[in-house]
Amino acid sequence: MIKFTDQTLSTIYKQLLSELNNISFDDILEFQVINPDFYNGLYSGTKVEIEKQIYIHRNLNSWNDLAQKLFCKMLVPKYIDETHVLIRFKKLNNKTSFHNMKDDTEKYGVESEFFNINKNEEPEVLLTYLKALNSVALNKKKRVLNLGVNGGNEFEIIKNEFSEFKDLELVGIDYCPSAINRAKECFENDENVSFYCHDINDLKSLDLGSFDLIISIGTLQSSNLDFNKTFMDIVQNYLNKEGAMILGFPNCRWIDGEIVYGAKASNYSYSEMSVLFKDAVFCKKYLQQKKFRVTLTGKYYIFLTATSIRK
């Protein structure tokens, strides 16, 4: 059994990487470390002595971060004794990721791997989105547009968490037929919610009017959209001057049932966030010029929240 005591994190990383290269996706890599809960109030990297053996303490979150960097799922540790636990990593199967699927209208449909993703059950994503909704004073809005609504998860949060839901007119647009049909089924009893299966490149033909809040999570960066042009067109033609925006820029990948931190460009083998930063900063500067207060928050999704400061 692999046992780590006072080895540096760099040494541990190299050894585990070597071990993972020699196992399949169904195998589990186990190694023994000092129990993260044995000490309270210690930062990772603190040296401690137990029975004349020097250990380096690391908290559970550090091991989980390492698992993500190694493209592994961290399984529930096994208790060995009061001072030791068995950390267990399962190698993620990248072939199950929707990112590798053919890019067509049903890549995000109800039969796709993407549709199994429920961002509403990811604490960091959910709570950052809720914070954004509160920041834009949703209770004072009347018309809400969601571009790339898919199955309607963002509307579900509004329905469940805001008593003003029935007073809102919510419009969702997505180009995936099966996703829109599912969204319609989920909100079939809500007359204030409507959905359109339509191309965002041709919003003009829908004659939607203007909105008090526009939401788009992980959609405007799609390869079939001219990001800057599309974004400016939306602000100029569909957002009320006193309105607000919530944009979500993906900073993660979904692999084998896990959310893994870090955006990845197609020509890099590792997380590279230049495009994310470029797009987010472009939107921020553009909205600030239009007299909006803009914040950037979040981890797995970078949420841009913009509220009008026009007097």
Protein backbone atom coordinates (compact mmCIF):
# COMPACT_ATOMS: atom_id res chain seq x y z
CA MET A 1 0.00 0.00 0.00
CA ILE A 2 1.16 3.54 -0.79
CA LYS A 3 1.75 5.56 2.37
CA PHE A 4 2.51 9.26 2.49
CA THR A 5 4.01 10.87 5.58
CA ASP A 6 6.28 13.92 5.12
CA GLN A 7 6.50 13.91 1.31
CA THR A 8 5.88 17.21 -0.45
CA LEU A 9 2.72 17.70 -2.48
CA SER A 10 4.84 17.88 -5.64
CA THR A 11 6.30 14.45 -4.90
CA ILE A 12 2.87 13.00 -4.15
CA TYR A 13 1.43 14.42 -7.36
CA LYS A 14 4.16 12.88 -9.51
CA GLN A 15 3.82 9.47 -7.89
CA LEU A 16 0.04 9.40 -8.16
CA LEU A 17 0.17 10.55 -11.77
CA SER A 18 2.52 7.70 -12.57
CA GLU A 19 0.24 5.21 -10.82
CA LEU A 20 -2.86 6.49 -12.64
CA ASN A 21 -1.20 6.09 -16.02
CA ASN A 22 -1.07 2.37 -15.36
CA ILE A 23 -4.67 1.74 -14.29
CA SER A 24 -8.01 1.66 -16.10
CA PHE A 25 -11.05 3.85 -15.51
CA ASP A 26 -12.70 1.18 -13.36
CA ASP A 27 -9.76 0.83 -10.97
CA ILE A 28 -9.39 2.71 -7.69
CA LEU A 29 -6.09 4.16 -6.51
CA GLU A 30 -5.73 4.06 -2.71
CA PHE A 31 -3.10 5.61 -0.45
CA GLN A 32 -2.70 6.13 3.28
CA VAL A 33 -2.31 9.60 4.81
CA ILE A 34 -2.74 11.32 8.15
CA ASN A 35 -6.41 11.75 9.07
CA PRO A 36 -7.43 15.27 7.93
CA ASP A 37 -9.78 15.51 10.93
CA PHE A 38 -7.19 14.53 13.53
CA TYR A 39 -6.13 18.16 13.97
CA ASN A 40 -8.32 21.26 14.00
CA GLY A 41 -7.23 24.71 12.87
CA LEU A 42 -4.14 23.60 10.95
CA TYR A 43 -3.44 24.80 7.43
CA SER A 44 -2.41 22.27 4.81
CA GLY A 45 1.36 21.89 4.80
CA THR A 46 1.78 22.06 8.58
CA LYS A 47 4.25 19.51 9.89
CA VAL A 48 3.15 17.41 12.87
CA GLU A 49 4.70 14.53 14.79
CA ILE A 50 2.83 11.33 15.64
CA GLU A 51 4.64 8.48 17.42
CA LYS A 52 8.03 9.92 16.41
CA GLN A 53 7.02 10.09 12.72
CA ILE A 54 6.82 13.46 10.95
CA TYR A 55 3.72 13.98 8.82
CA ILE A 56 2.49 16.83 6.66
CA HIS A 57 -1.12 17.66 7.48
CA ARG A 58 -3.51 18.30 4.60
CA ASN A 59 -7.22 19.00 4.85
CA LEU A 60 -9.84 17.04 2.94
CA ASN A 61 -10.41 19.86 0.46
CA SER A 62 -6.73 19.70 -0.54
CA TRP A 63 -7.07 16.03 -1.43
CA ASN A 64 -10.24 16.76 -3.40
CA ASP A 65 -8.47 19.53 -5.33
CA LEU A 66 -5.65 17.12 -6.10
CA ALA A 67 -8.17 14.57 -7.35
CA GLN A 68 -9.58 17.13 -9.79
CA LYS A 69 -6.11 18.05 -11.05
CA LEU A 70 -5.50 14.36 -11.73
CA PHE A 71 -8.92 14.03 -13.42
CA CYS A 72 -10.17 11.72 -10.70
CA LYS A 73 -13.24 11.43 -8.54
CA MET A 74 -12.43 11.39 -4.85
CA LEU A 75 -14.37 8.58 -3.21
CA VAL A 76 -15.35 8.51 0.46
CA PRO A 77 -12.13 7.93 2.48
CA LYS A 78 -11.84 4.77 4.56
CA TYR A 79 -11.08 5.01 8.26
CA ILE A 80 -7.96 3.05 9.28
CA ASP A 81 -7.51 4.31 12.82
CA GLU A 82 -7.74 7.58 14.74
CA THR A 83 -4.72 9.08 13.00
CA HIS A 84 -4.84 7.53 9.53
CA VAL A 85 -7.28 7.27 6.63
CA LEU A 86 -7.25 5.71 3.19
CA ILE A 87 -7.74 8.28 0.42
CA ARG A 88 -9.34 6.79 -2.68
CA PHE A 89 -9.19 8.20 -6.24
CA LYS A 90 -11.18 6.83 -9.17
CA LYS A 91 -9.93 7.79 -12.62
CA LEU A 92 -12.54 9.71 -14.64
CA ASN A 93 -13.59 8.35 -18.02
CA ASN A 94 -13.33 11.30 -20.40
CA LYS A 95 -15.26 9.39 -23.07
CA THR A 96 -18.48 9.99 -21.12
CA SER A 97 -18.14 13.79 -21.33
CA PHE A 98 -20.70 15.66 -23.46
CA HIS A 99 -17.85 17.98 -24.52
CA ASN A 100 -16.68 15.24 -26.90
CA MET A 101 -20.08 14.77 -28.54
CA LYS A 102 -20.94 15.86 -32.09
CA ASP A 103 -22.10 19.48 -32.18
CA ASP A 104 -25.70 19.40 -33.43
CA THR A 105 -29.11 20.54 -32.19
CA GLU A 106 -29.51 17.47 -29.95
CA LYS A 107 -26.05 17.66 -28.35
CA TYR A 108 -27.91 19.25 -25.42
CA GLY A 109 -31.18 17.30 -25.86
CA VAL A 110 -33.03 15.12 -23.37
CA GLU A 111 -31.19 11.98 -24.52
CA SER A 112 -27.77 13.61 -24.25
CA GLU A 113 -25.16 13.35 -21.52
CA PHE A 114 -25.50 17.11 -21.00
CA PHE A 115 -29.16 16.77 -19.99
CA ASN A 116 -28.11 14.62 -17.02
CA ILE A 117 -26.32 17.66 -15.57
CA ASN A 118 -28.25 19.54 -12.89
CA LYS A 119 -26.42 22.74 -12.02
CA ASN A 120 -29.10 23.47 -9.41
CA GLU A 121 -27.60 20.69 -7.26
CA GLU A 122 -24.04 22.03 -7.42
CA PRO A 123 -23.77 24.25 -4.28
CA GLU A 124 -21.23 26.70 -5.67
CA VAL A 125 -23.17 27.24 -8.90
CA LEU A 126 -26.59 27.41 -7.25
CA LEU A 127 -25.64 29.84 -4.49
CA THR A 128 -23.73 32.15 -6.84
CA TYR A 129 -26.72 32.23 -9.20
CA LEU A 130 -29.10 32.97 -6.32
CA LYS A 131 -26.81 35.78 -5.19
CA ALA A 132 -26.93 37.21 -8.71
CA LEU A 133 -30.75 37.05 -8.79
CA ASN A 134 -30.93 38.91 -5.50
CA SER A 135 -28.37 41.46 -6.67
CA VAL A 136 -30.45 42.40 -9.71
CA ALA A 137 -33.55 42.91 -7.50
CA LEU A 138 -35.63 40.27 -9.26
CA ASN A 139 -38.63 41.24 -7.11
CA LYS A 140 -38.77 44.54 -9.02
CA LYS A 141 -38.60 43.03 -12.49
CA LYS A 142 -41.51 42.19 -14.81
CA ARG A 143 -40.12 40.57 -17.97
CA VAL A 144 -37.29 38.00 -17.94
CA LEU A 145 -35.56 36.48 -20.99
CA ASN A 146 -33.37 33.38 -20.81
CA LEU A 147 -31.19 32.67 -23.84
CA GLY A 148 -30.12 29.02 -23.95
CA VAL A 149 -32.77 27.95 -21.45
CA ASN A 150 -32.45 24.20 -22.25
CA GLY A 151 -34.74 22.33 -19.81
CA GLY A 152 -35.57 25.43 -17.77
CA ASN A 153 -33.34 24.92 -14.71
CA GLU A 154 -32.75 28.64 -14.18
CA PHE A 155 -36.51 29.29 -14.26
CA GLU A 156 -37.04 26.44 -11.81
CA ILE A 157 -34.88 28.27 -9.25
CA ILE A 158 -36.90 31.45 -9.73
CA LYS A 159 -40.15 29.52 -9.31
CA ASN A 160 -38.98 27.74 -6.15
CA GLU A 161 -37.14 30.58 -4.43
CA PHE A 162 -39.00 33.80 -5.27
CA SER A 163 -42.54 34.55 -4.19
CA GLU A 164 -42.81 37.06 -7.07
CA PHE A 165 -42.65 34.25 -9.66
CA LYS A 166 -46.32 34.52 -10.67
CA ASP A 167 -45.93 38.27 -11.24
CA LEU A 168 -43.15 37.74 -13.79
CA GLU A 169 -43.38 37.07 -17.50
CA LEU A 170 -40.61 34.59 -18.31
CA VAL A 171 -39.50 33.78 -21.84
CA GLY A 172 -37.03 30.98 -22.62
CA ILE A 173 -35.30 30.34 -25.95
CA ASP A 174 -33.22 27.37 -27.05
CA TYR A 175 -32.44 25.79 -30.40
CA CYS A 176 -32.78 22.20 -29.12
CA PRO A 177 -36.30 20.86 -29.82
CA SER A 178 -36.36 18.07 -27.22
CA ALA A 179 -35.04 20.35 -24.47
CA ILE A 180 -37.67 23.00 -25.21
CA ASN A 181 -40.42 20.36 -25.23
CA ARG A 182 -39.27 19.14 -21.81
CA ALA A 183 -39.20 22.70 -20.48
CA LYS A 184 -42.76 23.22 -21.72
CA GLU A 185 -43.85 20.06 -19.90
CA CYS A 186 -42.21 21.20 -16.65
CA PHE A 187 -43.99 24.57 -16.73
CA GLU A 188 -47.23 23.49 -18.40
CA ASN A 189 -49.30 24.87 -15.52
CA ASP A 190 -47.52 28.24 -15.45
CA GLU A 191 -49.22 30.59 -17.90
CA ASN A 192 -46.62 33.28 -17.24
CA VAL A 193 -43.83 31.14 -18.76
CA SER A 194 -43.33 30.60 -22.50
CA PHE A 195 -40.67 28.81 -24.53
CA TYR A 196 -39.48 29.07 -28.12
CA CYS A 197 -37.36 26.63 -30.09
CA HIS A 198 -35.40 29.18 -32.05
CA ASP A 199 -31.94 30.26 -33.19
CA ILE A 200 -30.46 33.10 -31.11
CA ASN A 201 -28.93 34.43 -34.34
CA ASP A 202 -32.47 35.26 -35.51
CA LEU A 203 -34.15 36.76 -32.44
CA LYS A 204 -35.53 39.60 -34.52
CA SER A 205 -38.11 37.35 -36.20
CA LEU A 206 -39.73 36.57 -32.83
CA ASP A 207 -40.63 40.20 -32.10
CA LEU A 208 -40.00 39.71 -28.38
CA GLY A 209 -39.85 43.31 -27.23
CA SER A 210 -37.58 44.40 -24.39
CA PHE A 211 -36.86 42.84 -21.00
CA ASP A 212 -36.03 43.93 -17.46
CA LEU A 213 -33.66 40.99 -16.95
CA ILE A 214 -31.75 38.89 -19.46
CA ILE A 215 -30.13 35.62 -18.36
CA SER A 216 -27.74 33.47 -20.37
CA ILE A 217 -25.71 30.71 -18.72
CA GLY A 218 -23.01 29.10 -20.85
CA THR A 219 -24.70 29.84 -24.18
CA LEU A 220 -23.28 32.99 -25.79
CA GLN A 221 -19.86 31.33 -26.10
CA SER A 222 -21.28 28.74 -28.51
CA SER A 223 -19.24 28.22 -31.68
CA ASN A 224 -22.17 29.12 -33.93
CA LEU A 225 -22.43 32.62 -32.44
CA ASP A 226 -20.33 35.69 -33.04
CA PHE A 227 -19.89 36.47 -29.35
CA ASN A 228 -19.20 40.23 -29.40
CA LYS A 229 -21.77 41.00 -32.09
CA THR A 230 -24.45 38.83 -30.49
CA PHE A 231 -23.89 40.27 -27.04
CA MET A 232 -24.03 43.90 -28.21
CA ASP A 233 -27.15 43.20 -30.26
CA ILE A 234 -28.89 41.72 -27.21
CA VAL A 235 -28.02 44.70 -25.01
CA GLN A 236 -29.00 47.26 -27.62
CA ASN A 237 -32.26 45.69 -28.78
CA TYR A 238 -33.67 43.58 -25.94
CA LEU A 239 -32.48 45.01 -22.62
CA ASN A 240 -34.34 47.90 -21.01
CA LYS A 241 -32.10 50.82 -20.12
CA GLU A 242 -32.97 50.33 -16.45
CA GLY A 243 -32.71 46.53 -16.73
CA ALA A 244 -30.16 43.95 -15.61
CA MET A 245 -28.16 41.01 -16.96
CA ILE A 246 -26.84 37.74 -15.58
CA LEU A 247 -24.32 35.94 -17.78
CA GLY A 248 -22.62 32.67 -16.88
CA PHE A 249 -19.22 31.90 -18.38
CA PRO A 250 -18.32 28.18 -18.01
CA ASN A 251 -15.10 27.62 -16.07
CA CYS A 252 -15.45 23.87 -15.75
CA ARG A 253 -15.89 20.59 -17.56
CA TRP A 254 -18.43 17.86 -16.88
CA ILE A 255 -16.79 14.43 -16.99
CA ASP A 256 -18.07 11.01 -15.88
CA GLY A 257 -20.62 12.44 -13.45
CA GLU A 258 -18.23 15.04 -11.98
CA ILE A 259 -17.79 18.79 -12.31
CA VAL A 260 -14.10 19.57 -12.86
CA TYR A 261 -12.76 23.09 -12.36
CA GLY A 262 -11.17 24.98 -15.23
CA ALA A 263 -12.19 25.98 -18.76
CA LYS A 264 -10.37 24.11 -21.51
CA ALA A 265 -9.70 25.36 -25.02
CA SER A 266 -9.68 22.75 -27.79
CA ASN A 267 -6.01 23.31 -28.59
CA TYR A 268 -4.79 22.87 -25.01
CA SER A 269 -4.51 19.71 -22.92
CA TYR A 270 -5.00 21.68 -19.70
CA SER A 271 -7.20 24.47 -18.34
CA GLU A 272 -6.63 27.72 -20.25
CA MET A 273 -8.94 30.63 -19.51
CA SER A 274 -7.86 33.36 -21.93
CA VAL A 275 -11.10 33.24 -23.93
CA LEU A 276 -13.20 33.28 -20.76
CA PHE A 277 -11.39 36.35 -19.42
CA LYS A 278 -11.48 38.09 -22.81
CA ASP A 279 -15.24 37.64 -23.18
CA ALA A 280 -16.05 38.50 -19.55
CA VAL A 281 -13.94 41.67 -19.59
CA PHE A 282 -15.40 42.74 -22.95
CA CYS A 283 -18.93 42.43 -21.54
CA LYS A 284 -17.99 44.22 -18.34
CA LYS A 285 -16.43 47.20 -20.10
CA TYR A 286 -19.26 47.45 -22.62
CA LEU A 287 -21.93 47.41 -19.90
CA GLN A 288 -20.05 49.91 -17.78
CA GLN A 289 -20.03 52.27 -20.75
CA LYS A 290 -23.81 51.83 -20.88
CA LYS A 291 -24.08 52.90 -17.21
CA PHE A 292 -24.31 49.50 -15.56
CA ARG A 293 -22.65 48.40 -12.34
CA VAL A 294 -20.93 45.08 -13.09
CA THR A 295 -19.53 42.35 -10.85
CA LEU A 296 -17.78 39.06 -11.64
CA THR A 297 -18.22 36.22 -9.14
CA GLY A 298 -18.18 32.44 -9.01
CA LYS A 299 -15.89 29.46 -9.48
CA TYR A 300 -17.18 26.73 -11.81
CA TYR A 301 -19.20 29.37 -13.66
CA ILE A 302 -18.07 32.98 -13.67
CA PHE A 303 -21.24 35.00 -13.19
CA LEU A 304 -21.35 38.50 -14.62
CA THR A 305 -24.09 40.47 -12.90
CA ALA A 306 -24.99 43.88 -14.31
CA THR A 307 -27.49 46.38 -12.88
CA SER A 308 -28.38 49.77 -14.30
CA ILE A 309 -27.16 52.84 -12.43
CA ARG A 310 -28.99 55.31 -14.63
CA LYS A 311 -30.77 58.02 -12.66
